[in-house]
N, C-alpha and C. Protein backbone atom coordinates (compact mmCIF):
# COMPACT_ATOMS: atom_id res chain seq x y z
N MET A 1 -65.61 45.93 -96.66
CA MET A 1 -66.48 46.45 -97.72
C MET A 1 -66.42 45.55 -98.96
N GLY A 2 -65.15 45.19 -99.36
CA GLY A 2 -64.97 44.35 -100.53
C GLY A 2 -65.63 43.00 -100.36
N SER A 3 -65.47 42.40 -99.15
CA SER A 3 -66.06 41.08 -98.91
C SER A 3 -67.57 41.16 -98.94
N THR A 4 -68.12 42.29 -98.46
CA THR A 4 -69.58 42.47 -98.47
C THR A 4 -70.10 42.51 -99.91
N VAL A 5 -69.37 43.24 -100.78
CA VAL A 5 -69.76 43.33 -102.18
C VAL A 5 -69.71 41.96 -102.84
N ARG A 6 -68.59 41.21 -102.55
CA ARG A 6 -68.45 39.89 -103.14
C ARG A 6 -69.56 38.96 -102.67
N HIS A 7 -69.91 39.08 -101.38
CA HIS A 7 -70.97 38.25 -100.82
C HIS A 7 -72.31 38.57 -101.49
N THR A 8 -72.55 39.88 -101.70
CA THR A 8 -73.79 40.30 -102.37
C THR A 8 -73.84 39.78 -103.79
N GLU A 9 -72.66 39.88 -104.48
CA GLU A 9 -72.60 39.40 -105.86
C GLU A 9 -72.84 37.89 -105.91
N SER A 10 -72.19 37.13 -105.01
CA SER A 10 -72.35 35.68 -105.04
C SER A 10 -73.78 35.29 -104.75
N LYS A 11 -74.44 36.03 -103.87
CA LYS A 11 -75.85 35.77 -103.58
C LYS A 11 -76.71 36.04 -104.81
N ALA A 12 -76.40 37.16 -105.50
CA ALA A 12 -77.14 37.50 -106.72
C ALA A 12 -76.91 36.44 -107.80
N PHE A 13 -75.64 35.98 -107.92
CA PHE A 13 -75.32 34.95 -108.90
C PHE A 13 -76.09 33.66 -108.59
N LYS A 14 -76.12 33.33 -107.31
CA LYS A 14 -76.80 32.10 -106.89
C LYS A 14 -78.29 32.16 -107.24
N GLU A 15 -78.90 33.31 -106.97
CA GLU A 15 -80.33 33.47 -107.28
C GLU A 15 -80.57 33.41 -108.78
N ALA A 16 -79.65 34.03 -109.54
CA ALA A 16 -79.78 34.00 -111.00
C ALA A 16 -79.64 32.58 -111.54
N LYS A 17 -78.68 31.82 -110.99
CA LYS A 17 -78.49 30.43 -111.42
C LYS A 17 -79.71 29.58 -111.11
N GLN A 18 -80.28 29.80 -109.92
CA GLN A 18 -81.47 29.04 -109.53
C GLN A 18 -82.62 29.33 -110.49
N LEU A 19 -82.75 30.61 -110.87
CA LEU A 19 -83.79 30.99 -111.81
C LEU A 19 -83.56 30.33 -113.16
N LEU A 20 -82.32 30.37 -113.63
CA LEU A 20 -82.00 29.74 -114.91
C LEU A 20 -82.30 28.24 -114.89
N ARG A 21 -81.93 27.57 -113.81
CA ARG A 21 -82.19 26.13 -113.71
C ARG A 21 -83.69 25.83 -113.72
N SER A 22 -84.45 26.70 -113.07
CA SER A 22 -85.91 26.51 -113.03
C SER A 22 -86.52 26.69 -114.41
N GLN A 23 -85.80 27.39 -115.31
CA GLN A 23 -86.27 27.63 -116.68
C GLN A 23 -85.61 26.67 -117.67
N GLY A 24 -84.98 25.63 -117.16
CA GLY A 24 -84.34 24.66 -118.05
C GLY A 24 -82.94 25.06 -118.47
N GLY A 25 -82.39 26.11 -117.82
CA GLY A 25 -81.02 26.52 -118.11
C GLY A 25 -80.90 27.67 -119.09
N THR A 26 -82.02 28.08 -119.67
CA THR A 26 -82.01 29.15 -120.67
C THR A 26 -83.10 30.17 -120.35
N ILE A 27 -82.78 31.46 -120.53
CA ILE A 27 -83.77 32.49 -120.20
C ILE A 27 -83.49 33.76 -120.97
N ARG A 28 -84.52 34.55 -121.17
CA ARG A 28 -84.35 35.88 -121.75
C ARG A 28 -84.03 36.87 -120.63
N VAL A 29 -83.21 37.86 -120.93
CA VAL A 29 -82.86 38.86 -119.93
C VAL A 29 -84.13 39.56 -119.43
N SER A 30 -85.05 39.85 -120.32
CA SER A 30 -86.28 40.55 -119.92
C SER A 30 -87.07 39.74 -118.90
N GLU A 31 -87.09 38.41 -119.06
CA GLU A 31 -87.79 37.56 -118.10
C GLU A 31 -87.07 37.54 -116.76
N ALA A 32 -85.74 37.54 -116.82
CA ALA A 32 -84.96 37.54 -115.58
C ALA A 32 -85.17 38.84 -114.81
N VAL A 33 -85.21 39.96 -115.53
CA VAL A 33 -85.43 41.26 -114.89
C VAL A 33 -86.80 41.29 -114.22
N LYS A 34 -87.80 40.75 -114.90
CA LYS A 34 -89.15 40.70 -114.31
C LYS A 34 -89.16 39.86 -113.04
N ALA A 35 -88.28 38.85 -113.00
CA ALA A 35 -88.21 37.97 -111.83
C ALA A 35 -87.34 38.56 -110.72
N GLY A 36 -86.79 39.76 -110.95
CA GLY A 36 -86.04 40.45 -109.90
C GLY A 36 -84.53 40.39 -110.02
N ILE A 37 -84.02 39.84 -111.12
CA ILE A 37 -82.57 39.77 -111.33
C ILE A 37 -82.13 41.04 -112.06
N HIS A 38 -81.13 41.73 -111.51
CA HIS A 38 -80.68 42.99 -112.13
C HIS A 38 -79.86 42.67 -113.39
N PRO A 39 -80.04 43.47 -114.46
CA PRO A 39 -79.26 43.22 -115.69
C PRO A 39 -77.77 43.15 -115.46
N ARG A 40 -77.24 43.99 -114.54
CA ARG A 40 -75.78 43.98 -114.34
C ARG A 40 -75.31 42.64 -113.78
N THR A 41 -76.20 41.94 -113.06
CA THR A 41 -75.86 40.60 -112.57
C THR A 41 -75.64 39.66 -113.75
N PHE A 42 -76.53 39.73 -114.72
CA PHE A 42 -76.40 38.88 -115.91
C PHE A 42 -75.11 39.17 -116.64
N TYR A 43 -74.81 40.45 -116.85
CA TYR A 43 -73.63 40.80 -117.63
C TYR A 43 -72.33 40.49 -116.86
N ALA A 44 -72.40 40.60 -115.54
CA ALA A 44 -71.23 40.22 -114.73
C ALA A 44 -71.01 38.71 -114.82
N MET A 45 -72.09 37.95 -114.79
CA MET A 45 -71.97 36.49 -114.93
C MET A 45 -71.44 36.12 -116.31
N ARG A 46 -71.89 36.87 -117.33
CA ARG A 46 -71.38 36.63 -118.69
C ARG A 46 -69.88 36.89 -118.75
N ASP A 47 -69.45 38.02 -118.17
CA ASP A 47 -68.04 38.39 -118.20
C ASP A 47 -67.17 37.39 -117.47
N GLN A 48 -67.75 36.70 -116.47
CA GLN A 48 -67.01 35.71 -115.70
C GLN A 48 -67.15 34.30 -116.30
N GLY A 49 -67.88 34.20 -117.39
CA GLY A 49 -68.02 32.90 -118.05
C GLY A 49 -69.01 31.96 -117.40
N LEU A 50 -69.87 32.49 -116.54
CA LEU A 50 -70.86 31.65 -115.85
C LEU A 50 -72.08 31.37 -116.73
N ILE A 51 -72.36 32.32 -117.63
CA ILE A 51 -73.43 32.12 -118.60
C ILE A 51 -72.92 32.50 -119.97
N GLU A 52 -73.59 32.03 -121.00
CA GLU A 52 -73.17 32.35 -122.37
C GLU A 52 -74.37 32.76 -123.20
N ARG A 53 -74.09 33.60 -124.17
CA ARG A 53 -75.14 34.16 -125.01
C ARG A 53 -75.56 33.18 -126.10
N LEU A 54 -76.84 32.91 -126.18
CA LEU A 54 -77.38 32.06 -127.25
C LEU A 54 -77.82 32.91 -128.43
N GLY A 55 -78.43 34.03 -128.13
CA GLY A 55 -78.93 34.96 -129.13
C GLY A 55 -79.15 36.29 -128.46
N ARG A 56 -79.62 37.25 -129.20
CA ARG A 56 -79.80 38.58 -128.64
C ARG A 56 -80.78 38.54 -127.46
N GLY A 57 -80.27 38.85 -126.27
CA GLY A 57 -81.10 38.87 -125.07
C GLY A 57 -81.44 37.50 -124.51
N VAL A 58 -80.81 36.44 -125.04
CA VAL A 58 -81.08 35.08 -124.58
C VAL A 58 -79.77 34.46 -124.08
N TYR A 59 -79.81 33.95 -122.86
CA TYR A 59 -78.61 33.37 -122.25
C TYR A 59 -78.90 32.00 -121.67
N ARG A 60 -77.83 31.21 -121.54
CA ARG A 60 -77.95 29.91 -120.89
C ARG A 60 -76.76 29.69 -119.98
N LEU A 61 -76.90 28.77 -119.05
CA LEU A 61 -75.82 28.44 -118.13
C LEU A 61 -74.64 27.86 -118.92
N ALA A 62 -73.46 28.32 -118.61
CA ALA A 62 -72.26 27.80 -119.28
C ALA A 62 -72.07 26.34 -118.93
N GLY A 63 -71.57 25.58 -119.90
CA GLY A 63 -71.31 24.17 -119.66
C GLY A 63 -72.51 23.29 -119.92
N LYS A 64 -73.65 23.88 -120.10
CA LYS A 64 -74.85 23.11 -120.40
C LYS A 64 -74.78 22.69 -121.86
N SER A 65 -75.15 21.45 -122.15
CA SER A 65 -75.07 20.97 -123.52
C SER A 65 -75.95 21.83 -124.43
N ALA A 66 -75.47 22.04 -125.63
CA ALA A 66 -76.18 22.90 -126.58
C ALA A 66 -77.51 22.27 -126.96
N PRO A 67 -78.54 23.06 -127.14
CA PRO A 67 -79.81 22.52 -127.59
C PRO A 67 -79.65 21.81 -128.93
N VAL A 68 -80.46 20.78 -129.15
CA VAL A 68 -80.41 20.05 -130.41
C VAL A 68 -80.74 20.99 -131.57
N SER A 69 -81.72 21.86 -131.36
CA SER A 69 -82.13 22.83 -132.38
C SER A 69 -82.13 24.21 -131.77
N PRO A 70 -80.94 24.82 -131.61
CA PRO A 70 -80.87 26.11 -130.92
C PRO A 70 -81.69 27.21 -131.60
N ASP A 71 -81.76 27.19 -132.94
CA ASP A 71 -82.54 28.22 -133.64
C ASP A 71 -84.02 28.13 -133.27
N LEU A 72 -84.55 26.91 -133.20
CA LEU A 72 -85.95 26.74 -132.81
C LEU A 72 -86.18 27.21 -131.38
N ALA A 73 -85.21 26.92 -130.50
CA ALA A 73 -85.34 27.33 -129.11
C ALA A 73 -85.36 28.85 -128.99
N ILE A 74 -84.48 29.51 -129.72
CA ILE A 74 -84.43 30.98 -129.65
C ILE A 74 -85.71 31.58 -130.19
N VAL A 75 -86.19 31.08 -131.33
CA VAL A 75 -87.42 31.60 -131.92
C VAL A 75 -88.61 31.37 -131.00
N ALA A 76 -88.65 30.21 -130.35
CA ALA A 76 -89.75 29.91 -129.43
C ALA A 76 -89.78 30.90 -128.27
N MET A 77 -88.59 31.29 -127.81
CA MET A 77 -88.52 32.25 -126.70
C MET A 77 -88.86 33.66 -127.15
N LYS A 78 -88.42 34.01 -128.35
CA LYS A 78 -88.60 35.37 -128.84
C LYS A 78 -89.99 35.60 -129.45
N ILE A 79 -90.56 34.55 -130.03
CA ILE A 79 -91.86 34.68 -130.70
C ILE A 79 -92.79 33.61 -130.14
N PRO A 80 -93.25 33.78 -128.91
CA PRO A 80 -94.04 32.73 -128.24
C PRO A 80 -95.34 32.36 -128.93
N LYS A 81 -95.89 33.26 -129.75
CA LYS A 81 -97.14 32.95 -130.47
C LYS A 81 -96.88 32.07 -131.69
N GLY A 82 -95.63 32.00 -132.14
CA GLY A 82 -95.32 31.30 -133.37
C GLY A 82 -95.41 29.79 -133.24
N VAL A 83 -95.73 29.14 -134.35
CA VAL A 83 -95.77 27.68 -134.42
C VAL A 83 -94.83 27.25 -135.54
N VAL A 84 -93.90 26.37 -135.24
CA VAL A 84 -92.94 25.88 -136.24
C VAL A 84 -93.72 25.14 -137.32
N CYS A 85 -93.45 25.48 -138.57
CA CYS A 85 -94.24 24.92 -139.67
C CYS A 85 -93.37 24.57 -140.87
N LEU A 86 -94.01 23.99 -141.88
CA LEU A 86 -93.42 23.69 -143.18
C LEU A 86 -92.04 23.02 -143.08
N ILE A 87 -91.02 23.54 -143.75
CA ILE A 87 -89.75 22.81 -143.81
C ILE A 87 -89.12 22.64 -142.43
N SER A 88 -89.26 23.65 -141.56
CA SER A 88 -88.71 23.51 -140.20
C SER A 88 -89.43 22.41 -139.43
N ALA A 89 -90.74 22.29 -139.63
CA ALA A 89 -91.50 21.22 -138.97
C ALA A 89 -91.15 19.86 -139.57
N LEU A 90 -90.98 19.81 -140.90
CA LEU A 90 -90.54 18.56 -141.53
C LEU A 90 -89.21 18.10 -140.95
N SER A 91 -88.29 19.04 -140.79
CA SER A 91 -86.98 18.73 -140.23
C SER A 91 -87.10 18.26 -138.78
N PHE A 92 -87.95 18.93 -138.01
CA PHE A 92 -88.15 18.55 -136.61
C PHE A 92 -88.66 17.11 -136.51
N HIS A 93 -89.59 16.74 -137.41
CA HIS A 93 -90.18 15.40 -137.39
C HIS A 93 -89.35 14.39 -138.18
N GLU A 94 -88.23 14.83 -138.75
CA GLU A 94 -87.31 13.98 -139.49
C GLU A 94 -87.98 13.29 -140.68
N ILE A 95 -88.73 14.10 -141.45
CA ILE A 95 -89.37 13.56 -142.66
C ILE A 95 -88.97 14.41 -143.88
N THR A 96 -87.74 14.85 -143.89
CA THR A 96 -87.19 15.57 -145.04
C THR A 96 -85.67 15.48 -145.03
N THR A 97 -85.08 15.65 -146.20
CA THR A 97 -83.62 15.78 -146.28
C THR A 97 -83.22 17.24 -146.43
N GLU A 98 -84.23 18.13 -146.51
CA GLU A 98 -83.98 19.56 -146.63
C GLU A 98 -83.37 20.10 -145.33
N ILE A 99 -82.42 21.00 -145.47
CA ILE A 99 -81.86 21.69 -144.31
C ILE A 99 -82.40 23.11 -144.30
N PRO A 100 -83.30 23.43 -143.37
CA PRO A 100 -83.88 24.78 -143.37
C PRO A 100 -82.84 25.85 -143.06
N HIS A 101 -82.74 26.85 -143.93
CA HIS A 101 -81.81 27.95 -143.72
C HIS A 101 -82.48 29.12 -143.00
N GLN A 102 -83.78 28.98 -142.80
CA GLN A 102 -84.56 29.93 -142.00
C GLN A 102 -85.48 29.10 -141.11
N VAL A 103 -85.92 29.68 -140.02
CA VAL A 103 -86.93 29.02 -139.19
C VAL A 103 -88.29 29.40 -139.75
N HIS A 104 -89.01 28.41 -140.24
CA HIS A 104 -90.34 28.65 -140.80
C HIS A 104 -91.37 28.61 -139.67
N ILE A 105 -92.06 29.71 -139.46
CA ILE A 105 -93.06 29.76 -138.40
C ILE A 105 -94.38 30.32 -138.93
N ALA A 106 -95.46 29.85 -138.32
CA ALA A 106 -96.79 30.37 -138.63
C ALA A 106 -97.21 31.30 -137.50
N LEU A 107 -97.84 32.39 -137.88
CA LEU A 107 -98.42 33.33 -136.93
C LEU A 107 -99.86 33.60 -137.32
N PRO A 108 -100.72 33.91 -136.34
CA PRO A 108 -102.11 34.23 -136.70
C PRO A 108 -102.17 35.50 -137.54
N ARG A 109 -102.99 35.43 -138.58
CA ARG A 109 -103.12 36.59 -139.47
C ARG A 109 -103.54 37.82 -138.67
N GLY A 110 -102.87 38.95 -138.93
CA GLY A 110 -103.16 40.18 -138.21
C GLY A 110 -102.21 40.44 -137.06
N SER A 111 -101.34 39.44 -136.72
CA SER A 111 -100.35 39.64 -135.66
C SER A 111 -99.29 40.64 -136.11
N GLU A 112 -98.64 41.23 -135.14
CA GLU A 112 -97.54 42.15 -135.46
C GLU A 112 -96.35 41.36 -135.97
N PRO A 113 -95.73 41.78 -137.07
CA PRO A 113 -94.57 41.06 -137.60
C PRO A 113 -93.45 41.01 -136.55
N PRO A 114 -92.79 39.86 -136.41
CA PRO A 114 -91.73 39.74 -135.41
C PRO A 114 -90.50 40.56 -135.78
N ARG A 115 -89.81 41.05 -134.77
CA ARG A 115 -88.54 41.76 -134.97
C ARG A 115 -87.43 40.91 -134.38
N LEU A 116 -86.72 40.24 -135.25
CA LEU A 116 -85.71 39.30 -134.79
C LEU A 116 -84.51 39.38 -135.72
N ASP A 117 -83.35 39.72 -135.13
CA ASP A 117 -82.12 39.83 -135.93
C ASP A 117 -81.55 38.46 -136.26
N PHE A 118 -81.65 37.55 -135.31
CA PHE A 118 -81.10 36.20 -135.49
C PHE A 118 -81.88 35.24 -134.61
N PRO A 119 -82.14 34.03 -135.11
CA PRO A 119 -81.84 33.49 -136.43
C PRO A 119 -82.81 34.03 -137.49
N PRO A 120 -82.48 33.84 -138.78
CA PRO A 120 -83.41 34.30 -139.82
C PRO A 120 -84.73 33.53 -139.75
N VAL A 121 -85.82 34.25 -139.95
CA VAL A 121 -87.15 33.67 -139.80
C VAL A 121 -87.97 33.93 -141.06
N LYS A 122 -88.71 32.92 -141.49
CA LYS A 122 -89.66 33.05 -142.59
C LYS A 122 -91.06 32.91 -141.99
N VAL A 123 -91.86 33.96 -142.09
CA VAL A 123 -93.18 33.97 -141.46
C VAL A 123 -94.27 33.65 -142.48
N TYR A 124 -95.19 32.79 -142.07
CA TYR A 124 -96.39 32.49 -142.86
C TYR A 124 -97.59 32.87 -142.01
N TRP A 125 -98.53 33.55 -142.63
CA TRP A 125 -99.71 34.03 -141.90
C TRP A 125 -100.87 33.07 -142.10
N PHE A 126 -101.26 32.38 -141.03
CA PHE A 126 -102.37 31.44 -141.08
C PHE A 126 -103.57 32.07 -140.36
N SER A 127 -104.75 31.60 -140.69
CA SER A 127 -105.93 32.13 -140.02
C SER A 127 -106.88 31.01 -139.62
N GLY A 128 -107.65 31.24 -138.56
CA GLY A 128 -108.67 30.30 -138.11
C GLY A 128 -108.12 28.91 -137.83
N PRO A 129 -108.86 27.87 -138.23
CA PRO A 129 -108.43 26.49 -137.98
C PRO A 129 -107.08 26.16 -138.59
N ALA A 130 -106.74 26.82 -139.72
CA ALA A 130 -105.45 26.55 -140.36
C ALA A 130 -104.29 26.90 -139.43
N PHE A 131 -104.51 27.85 -138.53
CA PHE A 131 -103.47 28.17 -137.54
C PHE A 131 -103.62 27.32 -136.28
N GLN A 132 -104.84 27.12 -135.83
CA GLN A 132 -105.10 26.53 -134.52
C GLN A 132 -104.99 25.01 -134.48
N GLU A 133 -105.27 24.36 -135.60
CA GLU A 133 -105.34 22.90 -135.62
C GLU A 133 -103.96 22.25 -135.73
N GLY A 134 -103.82 21.11 -135.06
CA GLY A 134 -102.63 20.27 -135.24
C GLY A 134 -101.38 20.71 -134.52
N ILE A 135 -101.51 21.54 -133.48
CA ILE A 135 -100.33 22.02 -132.76
C ILE A 135 -99.89 21.00 -131.71
N GLU A 136 -98.62 20.64 -131.75
CA GLU A 136 -98.02 19.80 -130.71
C GLU A 136 -97.12 20.66 -129.84
N HIS A 137 -97.00 20.26 -128.57
CA HIS A 137 -96.15 20.99 -127.62
C HIS A 137 -94.95 20.11 -127.26
N HIS A 138 -93.77 20.63 -127.49
CA HIS A 138 -92.54 19.91 -127.20
C HIS A 138 -91.62 20.81 -126.38
N LYS A 139 -90.48 20.25 -125.98
CA LYS A 139 -89.47 21.05 -125.29
C LYS A 139 -88.11 20.78 -125.92
N ILE A 140 -87.35 21.85 -126.10
CA ILE A 140 -85.95 21.74 -126.54
C ILE A 140 -85.10 22.34 -125.44
N ASP A 141 -84.30 21.48 -124.79
CA ASP A 141 -83.44 21.95 -123.70
C ASP A 141 -84.27 22.67 -122.63
N GLY A 142 -85.47 22.15 -122.38
CA GLY A 142 -86.33 22.73 -121.35
C GLY A 142 -87.18 23.90 -121.83
N ILE A 143 -86.97 24.34 -123.07
CA ILE A 143 -87.71 25.48 -123.61
C ILE A 143 -88.94 24.96 -124.37
N PRO A 144 -90.15 25.37 -123.98
CA PRO A 144 -91.34 24.90 -124.69
C PRO A 144 -91.43 25.48 -126.09
N ILE A 145 -91.73 24.62 -127.05
CA ILE A 145 -91.93 25.08 -128.42
C ILE A 145 -93.22 24.46 -128.96
N LYS A 146 -93.82 25.14 -129.93
CA LYS A 146 -95.02 24.63 -130.59
C LYS A 146 -94.66 24.27 -132.03
N VAL A 147 -95.06 23.06 -132.42
CA VAL A 147 -94.77 22.55 -133.76
C VAL A 147 -96.04 21.88 -134.29
N TYR A 148 -96.32 22.09 -135.56
CA TYR A 148 -97.44 21.35 -136.14
C TYR A 148 -97.09 19.87 -136.24
N CYS A 149 -98.08 19.02 -136.00
CA CYS A 149 -97.88 17.58 -136.06
C CYS A 149 -97.53 17.16 -137.49
N PRO A 150 -96.99 15.96 -137.68
CA PRO A 150 -96.58 15.55 -139.03
C PRO A 150 -97.70 15.62 -140.06
N GLU A 151 -98.91 15.20 -139.68
CA GLU A 151 -100.03 15.19 -140.63
C GLU A 151 -100.42 16.60 -141.06
N LYS A 152 -100.49 17.53 -140.10
CA LYS A 152 -100.81 18.93 -140.42
C LYS A 152 -99.69 19.53 -141.28
N THR A 153 -98.46 19.17 -140.96
CA THR A 153 -97.31 19.70 -141.71
C THR A 153 -97.35 19.25 -143.16
N VAL A 154 -97.68 17.97 -143.39
CA VAL A 154 -97.78 17.47 -144.76
C VAL A 154 -98.87 18.24 -145.52
N ALA A 155 -100.01 18.46 -144.87
CA ALA A 155 -101.09 19.21 -145.51
C ALA A 155 -100.66 20.65 -145.81
N ASP A 156 -99.96 21.28 -144.85
CA ASP A 156 -99.45 22.64 -145.08
C ASP A 156 -98.51 22.68 -146.27
N CYS A 157 -97.68 21.64 -146.39
CA CYS A 157 -96.72 21.60 -147.49
C CYS A 157 -97.43 21.50 -148.84
N PHE A 158 -98.50 20.72 -148.88
CA PHE A 158 -99.29 20.67 -150.12
C PHE A 158 -99.88 22.04 -150.43
N LYS A 159 -100.33 22.73 -149.38
CA LYS A 159 -100.91 24.07 -149.58
C LYS A 159 -99.88 25.04 -150.15
N TYR A 160 -98.65 24.94 -149.66
CA TYR A 160 -97.59 25.86 -150.08
C TYR A 160 -96.62 25.20 -151.06
N ARG A 161 -97.12 24.23 -151.81
CA ARG A 161 -96.27 23.45 -152.73
C ARG A 161 -95.58 24.33 -153.78
N ASN A 162 -96.24 25.41 -154.17
CA ASN A 162 -95.64 26.28 -155.19
C ASN A 162 -94.49 27.11 -154.62
N LYS A 163 -94.45 27.25 -153.30
CA LYS A 163 -93.38 28.03 -152.67
C LYS A 163 -92.21 27.15 -152.25
N ILE A 164 -92.50 25.93 -151.79
CA ILE A 164 -91.41 25.09 -151.28
C ILE A 164 -90.98 24.02 -152.28
N GLY A 165 -91.80 23.80 -153.32
CA GLY A 165 -91.44 22.82 -154.35
C GLY A 165 -92.15 21.49 -154.16
N MET A 166 -92.73 20.97 -155.22
CA MET A 166 -93.47 19.71 -155.13
C MET A 166 -92.56 18.54 -154.81
N ASP A 167 -91.29 18.62 -155.20
CA ASP A 167 -90.36 17.55 -154.87
C ASP A 167 -90.17 17.42 -153.37
N VAL A 168 -90.15 18.55 -152.67
CA VAL A 168 -90.04 18.55 -151.20
C VAL A 168 -91.28 17.93 -150.58
N VAL A 169 -92.44 18.27 -151.13
CA VAL A 169 -93.71 17.76 -150.61
C VAL A 169 -93.79 16.25 -150.77
N LEU A 170 -93.46 15.74 -151.94
CA LEU A 170 -93.57 14.30 -152.20
C LEU A 170 -92.53 13.51 -151.40
N GLU A 171 -91.35 14.08 -151.22
CA GLU A 171 -90.35 13.43 -150.37
C GLU A 171 -90.86 13.33 -148.94
N ALA A 172 -91.49 14.41 -148.45
CA ALA A 172 -92.03 14.42 -147.09
C ALA A 172 -93.11 13.36 -146.93
N LEU A 173 -93.96 13.23 -147.93
CA LEU A 173 -95.02 12.22 -147.87
C LEU A 173 -94.43 10.82 -147.87
N LYS A 174 -93.38 10.60 -148.66
CA LYS A 174 -92.71 9.29 -148.70
C LYS A 174 -92.09 8.96 -147.35
N PHE A 175 -91.35 9.92 -146.77
CA PHE A 175 -90.72 9.68 -145.48
C PHE A 175 -91.76 9.53 -144.37
N TYR A 176 -92.85 10.28 -144.49
CA TYR A 176 -93.92 10.15 -143.50
C TYR A 176 -94.44 8.72 -143.49
N ARG A 177 -94.65 8.15 -144.68
CA ARG A 177 -95.15 6.78 -144.76
C ARG A 177 -94.15 5.78 -144.18
N GLN A 178 -92.86 6.04 -144.41
CA GLN A 178 -91.82 5.11 -143.95
C GLN A 178 -91.57 5.20 -142.44
N ARG A 179 -91.65 6.43 -141.90
CA ARG A 179 -91.15 6.65 -140.53
C ARG A 179 -92.23 6.90 -139.49
N LYS A 180 -93.44 7.19 -139.93
CA LYS A 180 -94.52 7.50 -138.99
C LYS A 180 -95.67 6.52 -139.19
N LYS A 181 -96.53 6.44 -138.18
CA LYS A 181 -97.75 5.67 -138.33
C LYS A 181 -98.64 6.39 -139.33
N PHE A 182 -99.04 5.68 -140.38
CA PHE A 182 -99.79 6.32 -141.47
C PHE A 182 -101.23 6.54 -141.03
N LYS A 183 -101.59 7.79 -140.78
CA LYS A 183 -102.91 8.15 -140.28
C LYS A 183 -103.71 8.81 -141.41
N THR A 184 -104.35 7.98 -142.20
CA THR A 184 -105.07 8.48 -143.38
C THR A 184 -106.14 9.49 -143.00
N ASP A 185 -106.91 9.16 -141.96
CA ASP A 185 -108.01 10.05 -141.56
C ASP A 185 -107.49 11.41 -141.14
N ASP A 186 -106.39 11.41 -140.39
CA ASP A 186 -105.81 12.69 -139.94
C ASP A 186 -105.26 13.49 -141.12
N LEU A 187 -104.60 12.80 -142.03
CA LEU A 187 -104.07 13.48 -143.22
C LEU A 187 -105.19 14.17 -144.00
N MET A 188 -106.29 13.45 -144.20
CA MET A 188 -107.39 14.02 -144.97
C MET A 188 -108.14 15.09 -144.18
N ARG A 189 -108.18 14.94 -142.86
CA ARG A 189 -108.83 15.98 -142.04
C ARG A 189 -108.06 17.30 -142.16
N TYR A 190 -106.73 17.22 -142.06
CA TYR A 190 -105.93 18.45 -142.17
C TYR A 190 -105.90 18.96 -143.61
N ALA A 191 -106.04 18.04 -144.58
CA ALA A 191 -106.14 18.47 -145.98
C ALA A 191 -107.39 19.33 -146.16
N LYS A 192 -108.46 18.94 -145.48
CA LYS A 192 -109.70 19.72 -145.55
C LYS A 192 -109.53 21.07 -144.88
N VAL A 193 -108.86 21.07 -143.71
CA VAL A 193 -108.60 22.33 -143.00
C VAL A 193 -107.79 23.28 -143.87
N CYS A 194 -106.82 22.73 -144.59
CA CYS A 194 -105.93 23.55 -145.43
C CYS A 194 -106.49 23.76 -146.85
N ARG A 195 -107.66 23.18 -147.10
CA ARG A 195 -108.32 23.33 -148.40
C ARG A 195 -107.49 22.77 -149.55
N VAL A 196 -106.88 21.62 -149.31
CA VAL A 196 -106.11 20.95 -150.37
C VAL A 196 -106.55 19.49 -150.49
N GLU A 197 -107.79 19.23 -150.10
CA GLU A 197 -108.31 17.86 -150.08
C GLU A 197 -108.23 17.21 -151.47
N LYS A 198 -108.68 17.93 -152.50
CA LYS A 198 -108.69 17.37 -153.86
C LYS A 198 -107.28 17.17 -154.39
N VAL A 199 -106.34 18.03 -153.96
CA VAL A 199 -104.95 17.90 -154.41
C VAL A 199 -104.29 16.70 -153.74
N MET A 200 -104.52 16.54 -152.45
CA MET A 200 -103.84 15.50 -151.69
C MET A 200 -104.40 14.10 -151.93
N GLN A 201 -105.71 14.01 -152.13
CA GLN A 201 -106.37 12.71 -152.14
C GLN A 201 -105.74 11.69 -153.10
N PRO A 202 -105.43 12.05 -154.36
CA PRO A 202 -104.82 11.06 -155.26
C PRO A 202 -103.47 10.53 -154.76
N TYR A 203 -102.68 11.42 -154.15
CA TYR A 203 -101.38 11.00 -153.62
C TYR A 203 -101.54 10.06 -152.42
N ILE A 204 -102.51 10.35 -151.57
CA ILE A 204 -102.76 9.48 -150.40
C ILE A 204 -103.27 8.12 -150.87
N GLU A 205 -104.21 8.13 -151.80
CA GLU A 205 -104.77 6.87 -152.28
C GLU A 205 -103.70 6.01 -152.95
N ALA A 206 -102.74 6.65 -153.61
CA ALA A 206 -101.67 5.90 -154.29
C ALA A 206 -100.77 5.17 -153.30
N LEU A 207 -100.77 5.62 -152.05
CA LEU A 207 -99.92 4.99 -151.04
C LEU A 207 -100.64 3.91 -150.25
N LEU A 208 -101.94 3.79 -150.41
CA LEU A 208 -102.72 2.81 -149.64
C LEU A 208 -102.63 1.43 -150.26
């Protein structure tokens, strides 16, 4: 009887591991349950050190290297509609010295506010093209995330300059010029989308 139970458990563990690997090593318990893995299997694997908790309801295979940006990975899994924006996007693209203490995400206006205990999240409500334009798709540790491209992010920062500080905006523009291919047309296109064309134009022209 005992060997049968152990065999059943090992089979369940094997199936759970295969599922985790197919998801890049990280998964939400709710997704695993939908795929046919019983919650007690997950918790038994946790108790045996086979998987480890990344965040509430999010687990990864033990021994797997930590994601470069675990907070972004958790938010991407928990809030799939969200797009990483502003200071978090600047940090992702390495065009700021700011260290985001919250994950800045954009959601379509009218969406239900996210319920997330950890990591801390700062939500910005975008609408129409301001939300839809300039989204890039990346992966962190196999987890798909959406981030605004550098040009859209710079335009967003100009739009929210009173909230994040003009010094942060100008530093981002300086680093963008140094570290990225300077795409004037794209910068001005997103400036128009964000309705900050007149504000941005003098700064862009000064760099040409």
